[in-house]
N, C-alpha and C. Protein backbone atom coordinates (compact mmCIF):
# COMPACT_ATOMS: atom_id res chain seq x y z
N UNK A 1 28.65 10.17 56.30
CA UNK A 1 29.29 9.26 55.39
C UNK A 1 28.21 8.51 54.61
N UNK A 2 28.50 8.32 53.33
CA UNK A 2 27.54 7.68 52.43
C UNK A 2 27.60 6.18 52.64
N UNK A 3 26.44 5.61 52.71
CA UNK A 3 26.35 4.16 52.87
C UNK A 3 26.77 3.51 51.55
N UNK A 4 27.81 2.69 51.61
CA UNK A 4 28.35 2.04 50.42
C UNK A 4 27.31 1.14 49.77
N UNK A 5 26.57 0.43 50.57
CA UNK A 5 25.55 -0.48 50.05
C UNK A 5 24.49 0.28 49.25
N UNK A 6 24.02 1.39 49.78
CA UNK A 6 22.97 2.14 49.09
C UNK A 6 23.53 2.81 47.83
N UNK A 7 24.80 3.24 47.87
CA UNK A 7 25.42 3.82 46.68
C UNK A 7 25.56 2.77 45.59
N UNK A 8 26.00 1.56 45.97
CA UNK A 8 26.13 0.47 45.02
C UNK A 8 24.76 0.09 44.42
N UNK A 9 23.76 0.03 45.26
CA UNK A 9 22.41 -0.29 44.80
C UNK A 9 21.91 0.78 43.83
N UNK A 10 22.22 2.03 44.11
CA UNK A 10 21.81 3.13 43.24
C UNK A 10 22.48 3.03 41.87
N UNK A 11 23.77 2.70 41.87
CA UNK A 11 24.51 2.54 40.60
C UNK A 11 23.94 1.35 39.82
N UNK A 12 23.66 0.27 40.51
CA UNK A 12 23.09 -0.90 39.83
C UNK A 12 21.71 -0.58 39.25
N UNK A 13 20.92 0.13 39.99
CA UNK A 13 19.58 0.52 39.52
C UNK A 13 19.70 1.41 38.28
N UNK A 14 20.64 2.34 38.32
CA UNK A 14 20.87 3.22 37.17
C UNK A 14 21.28 2.40 35.94
N UNK A 15 22.19 1.44 36.14
CA UNK A 15 22.63 0.59 35.03
C UNK A 15 21.48 -0.26 34.48
N UNK A 16 20.65 -0.75 35.38
CA UNK A 16 19.48 -1.52 34.93
C UNK A 16 18.56 -0.66 34.06
N UNK A 17 18.32 0.58 34.49
CA UNK A 17 17.47 1.48 33.71
C UNK A 17 18.10 1.81 32.36
N UNK A 18 19.40 1.96 32.33
CA UNK A 18 20.09 2.23 31.05
C UNK A 18 19.93 1.05 30.09
N UNK A 19 20.09 -0.15 30.61
CA UNK A 19 19.91 -1.34 29.76
C UNK A 19 18.47 -1.44 29.25
N UNK A 20 17.52 -1.16 30.13
CA UNK A 20 16.11 -1.19 29.71
C UNK A 20 15.87 -0.15 28.60
N UNK A 21 16.43 1.03 28.77
CA UNK A 21 16.26 2.09 27.76
C UNK A 21 16.90 1.67 26.43
N UNK A 22 18.05 1.04 26.48
CA UNK A 22 18.70 0.59 25.25
C UNK A 22 17.84 -0.44 24.52
N UNK A 23 17.27 -1.37 25.29
CA UNK A 23 16.39 -2.38 24.70
C UNK A 23 15.16 -1.71 24.09
N UNK A 24 14.56 -0.77 24.81
CA UNK A 24 13.39 -0.07 24.30
C UNK A 24 13.71 0.75 23.05
N UNK A 25 14.87 1.39 23.03
CA UNK A 25 15.27 2.18 21.87
C UNK A 25 15.49 1.29 20.64
N UNK A 26 16.11 0.11 20.86
CA UNK A 26 16.29 -0.82 19.75
C UNK A 26 14.94 -1.32 19.24
N UNK A 27 14.05 -1.63 20.18
CA UNK A 27 12.71 -2.09 19.79
C UNK A 27 11.97 -1.01 19.01
N UNK A 28 12.07 0.21 19.47
CA UNK A 28 11.42 1.33 18.78
C UNK A 28 11.98 1.50 17.37
N UNK A 29 13.28 1.39 17.22
CA UNK A 29 13.91 1.50 15.90
C UNK A 29 13.42 0.37 14.98
N UNK A 30 13.29 -0.83 15.51
CA UNK A 30 12.79 -1.97 14.72
C UNK A 30 11.34 -1.74 14.30
N UNK A 31 10.53 -1.25 15.22
CA UNK A 31 9.12 -0.98 14.92
C UNK A 31 9.02 0.10 13.85
N UNK A 32 9.83 1.14 13.97
CA UNK A 32 9.81 2.21 12.96
C UNK A 32 10.23 1.69 11.59
N UNK A 33 11.25 0.84 11.56
CA UNK A 33 11.71 0.26 10.29
C UNK A 33 10.62 -0.63 9.69
N UNK A 34 9.98 -1.42 10.53
CA UNK A 34 8.89 -2.29 10.06
C UNK A 34 7.74 -1.45 9.52
N UNK A 35 7.42 -0.37 10.22
CA UNK A 35 6.34 0.52 9.76
C UNK A 35 6.68 1.14 8.41
N UNK A 36 7.93 1.55 8.26
CA UNK A 36 8.37 2.15 6.99
C UNK A 36 8.21 1.14 5.85
N UNK A 37 8.60 -0.11 6.08
CA UNK A 37 8.48 -1.15 5.05
C UNK A 37 7.00 -1.41 4.73
N UNK A 38 6.16 -1.46 5.77
CA UNK A 38 4.74 -1.71 5.55
C UNK A 38 4.07 -0.56 4.81
N UNK A 39 4.47 0.68 5.10
CA UNK A 39 3.91 1.82 4.38
C UNK A 39 4.29 1.77 2.91
N UNK A 40 5.52 1.39 2.62
CA UNK A 40 5.96 1.24 1.24
C UNK A 40 5.17 0.14 0.54
N UNK A 41 4.98 -0.97 1.22
CA UNK A 41 4.21 -2.08 0.66
C UNK A 41 2.77 -1.66 0.40
N UNK A 42 2.19 -0.90 1.34
CA UNK A 42 0.82 -0.41 1.18
C UNK A 42 0.71 0.51 -0.03
N UNK A 43 1.70 1.39 -0.24
CA UNK A 43 1.68 2.26 -1.41
C UNK A 43 1.71 1.44 -2.70
N UNK A 44 2.55 0.40 -2.72
CA UNK A 44 2.63 -0.46 -3.91
C UNK A 44 1.29 -1.17 -4.16
N UNK A 45 0.68 -1.66 -3.09
CA UNK A 45 -0.61 -2.36 -3.22
C UNK A 45 -1.68 -1.39 -3.73
N UNK A 46 -1.69 -0.18 -3.22
CA UNK A 46 -2.68 0.81 -3.68
C UNK A 46 -2.49 1.13 -5.17
N UNK A 47 -1.22 1.27 -5.59
CA UNK A 47 -0.96 1.52 -7.01
C UNK A 47 -1.44 0.36 -7.86
N UNK A 48 -1.17 -0.85 -7.41
CA UNK A 48 -1.59 -2.04 -8.16
C UNK A 48 -3.12 -2.12 -8.21
N UNK A 49 -3.79 -1.79 -7.13
CA UNK A 49 -5.25 -1.80 -7.12
C UNK A 49 -5.80 -0.77 -8.11
N UNK A 50 -5.17 0.39 -8.18
CA UNK A 50 -5.59 1.41 -9.13
C UNK A 50 -5.41 0.90 -10.55
N UNK A 51 -4.26 0.27 -10.84
CA UNK A 51 -4.03 -0.29 -12.17
C UNK A 51 -5.08 -1.35 -12.51
N UNK A 52 -5.38 -2.21 -11.54
CA UNK A 52 -6.39 -3.25 -11.77
C UNK A 52 -7.78 -2.65 -12.00
N UNK A 53 -8.12 -1.63 -11.24
CA UNK A 53 -9.41 -0.97 -11.42
C UNK A 53 -9.52 -0.37 -12.81
N UNK A 54 -8.46 0.32 -13.25
CA UNK A 54 -8.48 0.92 -14.58
C UNK A 54 -8.56 -0.14 -15.67
N UNK A 55 -7.83 -1.24 -15.49
CA UNK A 55 -7.87 -2.31 -16.48
C UNK A 55 -9.26 -2.95 -16.52
N UNK A 56 -9.87 -3.13 -15.37
CA UNK A 56 -11.22 -3.71 -15.30
C UNK A 56 -12.23 -2.78 -15.97
N UNK A 57 -12.13 -1.50 -15.68
CA UNK A 57 -13.04 -0.54 -16.31
C UNK A 57 -12.88 -0.54 -17.82
N UNK A 58 -11.63 -0.60 -18.30
CA UNK A 58 -11.37 -0.63 -19.74
C UNK A 58 -11.94 -1.90 -20.35
N UNK A 59 -11.76 -3.04 -19.68
CA UNK A 59 -12.28 -4.31 -20.19
C UNK A 59 -13.80 -4.28 -20.23
N UNK A 60 -14.42 -3.73 -19.21
CA UNK A 60 -15.88 -3.62 -19.20
C UNK A 60 -16.37 -2.72 -20.32
N UNK A 61 -15.66 -1.64 -20.53
CA UNK A 61 -16.04 -0.71 -21.60
C UNK A 61 -15.96 -1.40 -22.96
N UNK A 62 -14.93 -2.21 -23.16
CA UNK A 62 -14.78 -2.92 -24.43
C UNK A 62 -15.82 -4.03 -24.60
N UNK A 63 -16.31 -4.59 -23.50
CA UNK A 63 -17.26 -5.70 -23.59
C UNK A 63 -18.70 -5.22 -23.77
N UNK A 64 -18.94 -3.94 -23.59
CA UNK A 64 -20.29 -3.41 -23.77
C UNK A 64 -20.63 -3.40 -25.27
N UNK A 65 -21.86 -3.74 -25.58
CA UNK A 65 -22.22 -3.72 -27.00
C UNK A 65 -22.21 -2.28 -27.53
N UNK A 66 -21.75 -2.16 -28.77
CA UNK A 66 -21.70 -0.84 -29.40
C UNK A 66 -23.11 -0.49 -29.86
N UNK A 67 -23.58 0.67 -29.49
CA UNK A 67 -24.93 1.04 -29.92
C UNK A 67 -24.98 1.14 -31.45
N UNK A 68 -25.98 0.53 -32.03
CA UNK A 68 -26.13 0.56 -33.48
C UNK A 68 -26.68 1.90 -33.90
N UNK A 69 -26.10 2.42 -34.90
CA UNK A 69 -26.59 3.68 -35.45
C UNK A 69 -27.61 3.33 -36.52
N UNK A 70 -28.79 3.83 -36.37
CA UNK A 70 -29.85 3.58 -37.33
C UNK A 70 -29.78 4.66 -38.41
N UNK A 71 -29.66 4.21 -39.63
CA UNK A 71 -29.66 5.13 -40.75
C UNK A 71 -31.09 5.28 -41.25
N UNK A 72 -31.45 6.49 -41.49
CA UNK A 72 -32.79 6.71 -42.06
C UNK A 72 -32.75 6.25 -43.52
N UNK A 73 -33.78 5.57 -43.91
CA UNK A 73 -33.85 5.14 -45.31
C UNK A 73 -34.08 6.36 -46.18
N UNK A 74 -33.19 6.48 -47.10
CA UNK A 74 -33.29 7.62 -48.00
C UNK A 74 -33.95 7.13 -49.28
N UNK A 75 -35.00 7.77 -49.63
CA UNK A 75 -35.67 7.37 -50.87
C UNK A 75 -34.92 7.98 -52.05
N UNK A 76 -34.85 7.22 -53.10
CA UNK A 76 -34.15 7.70 -54.28
C UNK A 76 -35.13 8.49 -55.14
N UNK A 77 -34.64 9.54 -55.74
CA UNK A 77 -35.54 10.33 -56.60
C UNK A 77 -36.07 9.48 -57.76
N UNK A 78 -37.19 9.80 -58.22
CA UNK A 78 -37.84 9.05 -59.32
C UNK A 78 -36.92 9.05 -60.53
N UNK A 79 -36.83 7.90 -61.12
CA UNK A 79 -36.02 7.77 -62.32
C UNK A 79 -34.60 7.29 -62.06
N UNK A 80 -34.15 7.29 -60.78
CA UNK A 80 -32.81 6.79 -60.44
C UNK A 80 -32.99 5.44 -59.78
N UNK A 81 -32.35 4.44 -60.34
CA UNK A 81 -32.51 3.08 -59.81
C UNK A 81 -31.16 2.52 -59.43
N UNK A 82 -31.11 1.84 -58.33
CA UNK A 82 -29.87 1.16 -57.93
C UNK A 82 -29.78 -0.12 -58.70
N UNK A 83 -28.69 -0.41 -59.29
CA UNK A 83 -28.51 -1.66 -60.03
C UNK A 83 -27.45 -2.49 -59.43
């Protein structure tokens, strides 16, 4: 004959483990959801950093002095005068 006390203890232990598993599963779902949100946020931050880098590079390019082109002095043929 099965000991009623040990059977009851076994059922209670099983129920305790089920509750623990439910709590762990909920926690895991929350962690996964949080990770998903953080990954999305990280992608947005990376895109914004890329935009900022490109804007900074463009601004630096515009702030650089334009190299002056030196024109060779062209001598005018004899008899032609600029007036």
